[in-house]
Structures are given as C-alpha cells and as structure tokens.
N, C-alpha and C. Protein backbone atom coordinates (compact mmCIF):
# COMPACT_ATOMS: atom_id res chain seq x y z
N MET A 1 73.34 84.11 -96.02
CA MET A 1 73.50 83.52 -97.04
C MET A 1 73.36 84.99 -98.10
N ALA A 2 72.48 85.72 -97.47
CA ALA A 2 72.42 87.05 -98.52
C ALA A 2 73.50 87.56 -98.76
N GLU A 3 74.44 87.46 -97.01
CA GLU A 3 75.30 88.60 -97.29
C GLU A 3 76.35 87.89 -98.10
N ASP A 4 76.40 86.64 -98.52
CA ASP A 4 77.43 85.43 -99.02
C ASP A 4 77.14 85.94 -100.55
N LEU A 5 76.05 85.75 -100.98
CA LEU A 5 76.15 86.41 -102.16
C LEU A 5 76.02 87.49 -102.78
N ARG A 6 75.69 88.90 -101.90
CA ARG A 6 76.14 90.16 -102.40
C ARG A 6 77.57 90.15 -102.51
N HIS A 7 78.76 89.66 -101.45
CA HIS A 7 79.77 89.70 -101.71
C HIS A 7 80.40 88.83 -103.02
N ALA A 8 79.79 87.78 -103.30
CA ALA A 8 80.19 86.98 -104.37
C ALA A 8 79.93 87.80 -105.42
N ALA A 9 79.09 88.53 -105.80
CA ALA A 9 78.66 89.17 -106.77
C ALA A 9 79.63 90.51 -107.30
N GLY A 10 80.50 90.68 -106.21
CA GLY A 10 81.82 91.64 -106.59
C GLY A 10 81.18 92.76 -105.53
N ARG A 11 80.64 93.07 -104.97
CA ARG A 11 80.06 94.54 -103.99
C ARG A 11 80.95 93.82 -102.78
N PRO A 12 82.10 94.91 -102.14
CA PRO A 12 82.78 94.38 -101.36
C PRO A 12 81.93 95.05 -99.76
N THR A 13 82.18 94.20 -98.67
CA THR A 13 81.33 94.67 -97.61
C THR A 13 83.18 95.16 -96.55
N TYR A 14 82.22 95.87 -95.41
CA TYR A 14 83.24 96.69 -94.58
C TYR A 14 82.96 96.16 -93.18
N GLU A 15 83.72 95.94 -92.55
CA GLU A 15 83.71 95.54 -91.08
C GLU A 15 84.57 96.51 -90.24
N VAL A 16 83.62 96.94 -88.79
CA VAL A 16 84.19 97.91 -88.29
C VAL A 16 84.45 97.09 -86.61
N ARG A 17 85.73 96.83 -86.67
CA ARG A 17 86.32 95.70 -85.62
C ARG A 17 86.98 96.99 -84.29
N GLU A 18 86.92 96.47 -83.04
CA GLU A 18 87.45 97.30 -82.10
C GLU A 18 88.48 96.17 -81.63
N ILE A 19 89.67 97.00 -81.01
CA ILE A 19 90.96 95.95 -81.40
C ILE A 19 91.36 96.60 -79.62
N LEU A 20 92.11 95.59 -78.99
CA LEU A 20 92.32 96.02 -77.71
C LEU A 20 93.92 96.70 -77.50
N ASP A 21 93.88 97.72 -77.09
CA ASP A 21 95.35 98.77 -76.72
C ASP A 21 95.60 99.17 -77.70
N GLY A 22 95.34 98.60 -79.11
CA GLY A 22 95.36 99.27 -80.81
C GLY A 22 96.34 98.34 -81.11
N ASP A 23 96.20 96.95 -80.44
CA ASP A 23 97.07 96.19 -81.40
C ASP A 23 96.12 95.01 -81.98
N ALA A 24 96.56 95.09 -83.24
CA ALA A 24 95.47 94.62 -84.16
C ALA A 24 95.41 93.17 -84.21
N TRP A 25 96.18 92.35 -83.19
CA TRP A 25 96.46 91.05 -83.10
C TRP A 25 95.36 90.36 -82.20
N VAL A 26 94.91 91.44 -81.25
CA VAL A 26 94.02 91.08 -80.27
C VAL A 26 92.69 92.12 -80.70
N ASP A 27 92.01 91.10 -81.51
CA ASP A 27 90.97 91.68 -82.16
C ASP A 27 89.73 91.64 -81.15
N MET A 28 88.61 92.29 -80.81
CA MET A 28 87.41 92.33 -80.08
C MET A 28 86.28 91.69 -80.58
N GLY A 29 86.35 91.94 -82.09
CA GLY A 29 85.30 91.43 -83.14
C GLY A 29 84.60 92.62 -83.65
N ILE A 30 83.35 91.98 -84.19
CA ILE A 30 82.74 93.16 -85.37
C ILE A 30 81.89 93.40 -84.64
N LEU A 31 81.72 94.64 -84.69
CA LEU A 31 80.67 95.82 -84.41
C LEU A 31 80.06 95.98 -85.07
N TYR A 32 80.35 96.23 -86.62
CA TYR A 32 79.17 96.94 -87.22
C TYR A 32 80.00 96.29 -88.92
N ARG A 33 78.56 95.86 -89.77
CA ARG A 33 78.87 95.37 -91.49
C ARG A 33 78.33 96.35 -92.29
N CYS A 34 78.68 96.86 -92.89
CA CYS A 34 77.89 97.52 -94.20
C CYS A 34 78.82 97.17 -95.52
N GLN A 35 78.07 97.89 -96.52
CA GLN A 35 78.64 97.85 -97.74
C GLN A 35 79.17 99.20 -98.23
N ASP A 36 79.25 100.33 -97.36
CA ASP A 36 79.46 101.56 -97.57
C ASP A 36 81.00 101.81 -96.99
N TYR A 37 81.88 102.36 -97.12
CA TYR A 37 82.94 102.84 -96.58
C TYR A 37 82.91 103.69 -95.66
N ALA A 38 82.09 104.89 -96.39
CA ALA A 38 81.73 106.28 -95.43
C ALA A 38 80.73 106.07 -94.24
N GLU A 39 79.58 105.00 -94.48
CA GLU A 39 78.64 104.56 -93.56
C GLU A 39 79.86 103.56 -92.49
N ALA A 40 80.54 103.17 -92.83
CA ALA A 40 81.66 102.24 -91.90
C ALA A 40 82.41 103.16 -91.08
N VAL A 41 82.98 104.03 -91.73
CA VAL A 41 83.55 105.04 -91.01
C VAL A 41 83.16 105.88 -90.04
N GLU A 42 81.39 106.22 -90.68
CA GLU A 42 80.69 107.09 -89.57
C GLU A 42 80.29 106.41 -88.35
N PHE A 43 80.06 104.93 -88.72
CA PHE A 43 79.53 104.21 -87.51
C PHE A 43 81.28 104.24 -86.61
N ALA A 44 81.85 103.99 -86.80
CA ALA A 44 83.41 104.08 -85.98
C ALA A 44 83.30 105.45 -85.39
N PHE A 45 83.15 106.60 -86.16
CA PHE A 45 83.13 107.85 -85.06
C PHE A 45 82.23 107.90 -84.22
N ASP A 46 81.13 107.50 -84.43
CA ASP A 46 79.71 107.37 -83.64
C ASP A 46 80.14 106.85 -82.32
N TYR A 47 80.56 105.29 -82.62
CA TYR A 47 81.08 104.39 -81.45
C TYR A 47 82.26 105.11 -80.65
N LEU A 48 83.10 105.54 -81.07
CA LEU A 48 84.15 106.14 -80.63
C LEU A 48 83.42 107.09 -79.61
N GLY A 49 82.63 108.12 -80.32
CA GLY A 49 81.88 109.19 -79.45
C GLY A 49 81.02 109.08 -78.38
N ARG A 50 80.35 107.62 -78.62
CA ARG A 50 79.61 107.27 -77.52
C ARG A 50 80.53 106.50 -76.42
N ARG A 51 81.47 105.97 -77.00
CA ARG A 51 82.22 105.00 -75.70
C ARG A 51 83.45 105.71 -74.88
N ASP A 52 84.02 106.40 -76.14
CA ASP A 52 85.33 107.20 -75.17
C ASP A 52 85.27 108.78 -75.86
N PRO A 53 84.40 109.63 -75.65
CA PRO A 53 84.09 110.88 -76.21
C PRO A 53 85.40 111.57 -75.68
N ARG A 54 85.71 111.69 -74.53
CA ARG A 54 87.16 112.83 -74.09
C ARG A 54 88.49 111.96 -74.56
N ARG A 55 88.48 110.62 -75.19
CA ARG A 55 89.67 110.22 -75.79
C ARG A 55 90.75 109.67 -74.72
N THR A 56 90.01 109.12 -73.59
CA THR A 56 90.84 108.87 -72.64
C THR A 56 91.26 107.58 -72.34
N GLY A 57 91.30 106.82 -73.62
CA GLY A 57 91.84 105.30 -73.95
C GLY A 57 90.85 104.22 -73.38
N ALA A 58 89.55 104.51 -73.28
CA ALA A 58 88.43 103.19 -73.38
C ALA A 58 88.34 102.45 -74.32
N VAL A 59 88.71 103.12 -75.36
CA VAL A 59 88.58 102.34 -76.93
C VAL A 59 90.00 102.37 -77.01
N GLY A 60 90.48 101.36 -77.02
CA GLY A 60 92.05 101.24 -77.56
C GLY A 60 92.18 101.40 -79.16
N GLY A 61 91.35 100.88 -79.73
CA GLY A 61 91.77 101.07 -81.44
C GLY A 61 90.44 100.61 -81.98
N LEU A 62 90.37 101.18 -83.33
CA LEU A 62 89.51 100.55 -84.38
C LEU A 62 89.80 100.52 -85.59
N GLN A 63 89.28 99.73 -86.18
CA GLN A 63 89.61 99.53 -87.59
C GLN A 63 88.63 99.11 -88.58
N VAL A 64 88.80 99.67 -89.91
CA VAL A 64 87.53 99.31 -90.81
C VAL A 64 88.41 98.26 -91.80
N ILE A 65 87.71 97.47 -91.83
CA ILE A 65 88.42 96.22 -92.71
C ILE A 65 87.20 96.00 -94.36
N LYS A 66 87.87 96.36 -95.42
CA LYS A 66 87.32 95.87 -96.66
C LYS A 66 87.43 94.66 -96.60
N ASN A 67 86.48 93.65 -97.28
CA ASN A 67 86.73 92.34 -97.59
C ASN A 67 86.08 92.30 -99.11
N GLY A 68 87.19 92.19 -99.77
CA GLY A 68 86.93 92.22 -101.28
C GLY A 68 86.65 90.92 -102.00
N ASP A 69 86.72 90.97 -103.21
CA ASP A 69 86.56 89.61 -104.05
C ASP A 69 87.65 88.71 -103.61
N ARG A 70 87.15 87.37 -103.72
CA ARG A 70 88.35 86.22 -103.50
C ARG A 70 88.78 86.10 -102.22
N GLY A 71 88.03 86.88 -101.30
CA GLY A 71 88.51 86.78 -99.79
C GLY A 71 89.40 87.66 -99.42
N ARG A 72 90.05 88.24 -100.38
CA ARG A 72 91.18 89.29 -99.66
C ARG A 72 90.49 90.29 -98.85
N ARG A 73 91.36 90.85 -97.66
CA ARG A 73 91.06 91.58 -96.73
C ARG A 73 91.74 92.74 -96.51
N GLU A 74 91.50 93.86 -96.59
CA GLU A 74 92.57 95.50 -96.39
C GLU A 74 91.77 96.00 -95.15
N THR A 75 93.25 96.48 -94.43
CA THR A 75 92.38 97.75 -93.40
C THR A 75 92.27 98.88 -94.18
N VAL A 76 91.17 99.49 -94.39
CA VAL A 76 91.49 100.63 -94.72
C VAL A 76 90.95 102.18 -93.99
N TRP A 77 91.42 101.86 -93.01
CA TRP A 77 91.31 103.09 -91.92
C TRP A 77 91.44 102.72 -90.25
N THR A 78 91.98 103.32 -89.46
CA THR A 78 92.36 102.96 -88.14
C THR A 78 92.03 104.05 -87.62
N TYR A 79 92.23 103.87 -86.00
CA TYR A 79 92.34 104.68 -84.75
C TYR A 79 93.12 103.92 -83.81
N ASN A 80 93.97 104.36 -83.28
CA ASN A 80 95.11 104.00 -82.40
C ASN A 80 94.84 105.02 -81.21
N HIS A 81 94.52 104.70 -80.06
CA HIS A 81 94.62 105.54 -79.18
C HIS A 81 96.01 106.14 -78.51
N THR A 82 96.91 105.29 -78.62
CA THR A 82 98.21 105.81 -77.94
C THR A 82 98.81 106.51 -79.30
N GLU A 83 98.45 106.33 -80.64
CA GLU A 83 99.11 107.29 -81.67
C GLU A 83 98.49 108.72 -81.60
N GLN A 84 97.34 108.92 -81.02
CA GLN A 84 96.62 110.34 -81.18
C GLN A 84 97.20 110.86 -80.07
N GLU A 85 97.84 110.37 -79.08
CA GLU A 85 98.28 111.08 -77.65
C GLU A 85 99.49 112.00 -78.17
N SER A 86 100.22 111.78 -79.22
CA SER A 86 101.04 112.46 -79.84
C SER A 86 100.77 112.78 -81.23
N PRO A 87 100.18 113.91 -81.68
CA PRO A 87 99.89 114.14 -83.33
C PRO A 87 101.22 114.15 -83.79
N PRO A 88 101.20 114.17 -85.21
CA PRO A 88 102.46 114.44 -85.56
C PRO A 88 102.74 116.32 -85.97
N ASP A 89 103.86 116.35 -85.85
CA ASP A 89 104.25 118.06 -86.44
C ASP A 89 103.40 117.90 -87.75
N PRO A 90 102.84 119.40 -87.79
CA PRO A 90 102.20 119.51 -89.11
C PRO A 90 103.44 120.07 -90.18
N ILE A 91 104.62 120.74 -89.56
CA ILE A 91 105.62 121.13 -90.37
C ILE A 91 106.20 120.10 -91.02
N GLN A 92 106.54 119.02 -90.23
CA GLN A 92 107.21 117.53 -90.69
C GLN A 92 106.01 117.19 -91.80
N VAL A 93 104.94 116.99 -91.65
CA VAL A 93 103.74 116.30 -92.50
C VAL A 93 103.59 117.24 -93.63
N TRP A 94 103.25 118.62 -93.66
CA TRP A 94 102.92 119.45 -94.73
C TRP A 94 103.97 120.33 -95.34
N GLY A 95 104.78 120.55 -94.57
CA GLY A 95 105.68 121.47 -95.09
C GLY A 95 105.67 122.88 -94.28
N TYR A 96 104.49 122.90 -93.68
CA TYR A 96 104.28 124.42 -93.05
C TYR A 96 103.28 124.14 -92.12
N ASP A 97 102.90 125.27 -91.09
CA ASP A 97 101.98 124.62 -90.23
C ASP A 97 100.63 125.32 -90.46
N VAL A 98 99.80 124.44 -90.71
CA VAL A 98 98.41 124.37 -91.25
C VAL A 98 97.25 124.92 -90.11
N THR A 99 98.22 125.08 -89.15
CA THR A 99 97.05 125.39 -87.87
C THR A 99 96.93 126.69 -87.85
N ARG A 100 98.01 127.37 -88.67
CA ARG A 100 98.19 129.21 -88.22
C ARG A 100 97.80 129.73 -89.25
N ARG A 101 97.08 131.12 -89.40
CA ARG A 101 96.55 131.62 -90.52
C ARG A 101 97.30 132.05 -91.52
N TRP A 102 97.12 131.94 -92.66
CA TRP A 102 98.44 132.13 -93.79
C TRP A 102 98.30 133.47 -94.46
N THR A 103 98.94 134.33 -94.29
CA THR A 103 98.69 135.73 -95.05
C THR A 103 99.70 136.46 -96.00
N LEU A 104 99.03 137.20 -96.69
CA LEU A 104 99.63 137.36 -97.83
C LEU A 104 100.99 138.09 -97.36
N PRO A 105 101.97 138.36 -98.96
CA PRO A 105 103.04 138.51 -98.45
C PRO A 105 103.35 140.44 -98.36
N THR A 106 104.21 140.80 -97.16
CA THR A 106 103.95 142.52 -96.87
C THR A 106 104.42 142.80 -97.95
N GLY A 107 105.92 142.55 -98.53
CA GLY A 107 106.46 143.30 -99.58
C GLY A 107 106.21 143.26 -101.05
N PRO A 108 106.90 143.55 -102.04
CA PRO A 108 106.37 143.43 -103.33
C PRO A 108 107.06 142.03 -103.68
N VAL A 109 106.17 141.63 -104.57
CA VAL A 109 106.64 140.27 -104.99
C VAL A 109 107.45 140.08 -106.13
N PRO A 110 108.94 139.42 -106.71
CA PRO A 110 109.30 139.82 -107.64
C PRO A 110 108.66 139.13 -108.92
N ARG A 111 108.73 140.01 -110.09
CA ARG A 111 108.22 139.38 -111.27
C ARG A 111 109.09 138.54 -111.69
N PRO A 112 108.92 137.35 -112.35
CA PRO A 112 109.74 136.69 -113.23
C PRO A 112 110.68 137.39 -114.42
N THR A 113 111.74 137.09 -114.76
CA THR A 113 111.99 137.59 -115.96
C THR A 113 111.84 136.97 -117.26
N SER A 114 111.68 137.45 -118.33
CA SER A 114 111.04 137.18 -119.36
C SER A 114 111.86 135.57 -120.09
N LEU A 115 111.34 134.75 -120.75
CA LEU A 115 112.26 133.86 -121.29
C LEU A 115 113.24 134.13 -122.23
N ARG A 116 113.09 135.28 -122.69
CA ARG A 116 114.53 135.51 -123.59
C ARG A 116 115.39 136.20 -123.11
N SER A 117 115.27 136.68 -121.62
CA SER A 117 116.20 137.02 -120.98
C SER A 117 116.93 136.03 -120.63
N ARG A 118 116.46 134.88 -120.26
CA ARG A 118 117.16 134.25 -119.53
C ARG A 118 117.81 132.87 -120.18
N ILE A 119 117.42 133.14 -121.88
CA ILE A 119 118.27 132.03 -122.72
C ILE A 119 119.36 132.72 -123.29
N PRO A 120 120.51 132.01 -123.03
CA PRO A 120 121.61 132.75 -123.62
C PRO A 120 121.87 132.62 -124.91
N GLY A 121 122.58 133.97 -125.54
CA GLY A 121 122.85 133.94 -127.26
C GLY A 121 121.39 134.33 -127.86
N ARG A 122 120.48 134.65 -127.23
CA ARG A 122 119.31 134.79 -128.49
C ARG A 122 118.90 136.23 -127.75
N ALA A 123 118.34 136.68 -128.52
CA ALA A 123 118.19 138.48 -128.44
C ALA A 123 116.73 138.72 -128.94
C-alpha cells in the first residue's frame, strides 16, 4: 500500500530484474526495488559481483526498469552476458582508441591564418 502511494505521488520506482540468457522476454522476477536509480544500478553490480564475479555467464542478464507515472515502464540500464563477450571497438564508438595514452604532437602546431587574410577583397 505504501509503495503504491509513493508511486502515485509521482516518485518513480526502480526494479532490478534478472533475465535468462539475456532475453528480456524470459524474466526471472524482481530482485530489488527502490526509488533511486543509482541505488538500483549499484545493487545490480553487487548482485553480478556475487553471483558471477568472473562473468562466466551464470547471470545471463540484468535490467533496471523505471516505473514512472501512469504505469509507464522503461528499461534504463541493462547487462547482457552475450554482448559483453565481444566489447565494441573503441575506434568505432569514439573515433579514437580510448585505451591508449594520448601524447602531445611532436612537431610544431600550425597557427591558423588571420581572418583578414581569409576574406577575399578585404585588406
């Protein structure tokens, strides 16, 4: 009853759910419910660390679902074991390799030309 009143007052609730083999249609049920997104994600990481610390697939997937106003449900965070086996290429995602150390250019950096010299017919 109290949970319904808080939800009715406009405060969203967050549910952590385990899903079987990363398939959102095979829901194993609610593991945890709270009113804070960060707390729900922290519980999900703790649960994953306890049940599958080496990420071998003992936990097929996790979801954090936000229950908003008027019964609207939205998946706001997911973990899927099969997607974690092949992480995306950082160059494809970010445009550069985020795992390598960045260094300054070794040569001189060309200074941009002045605006006056780039506009034709003006001196």
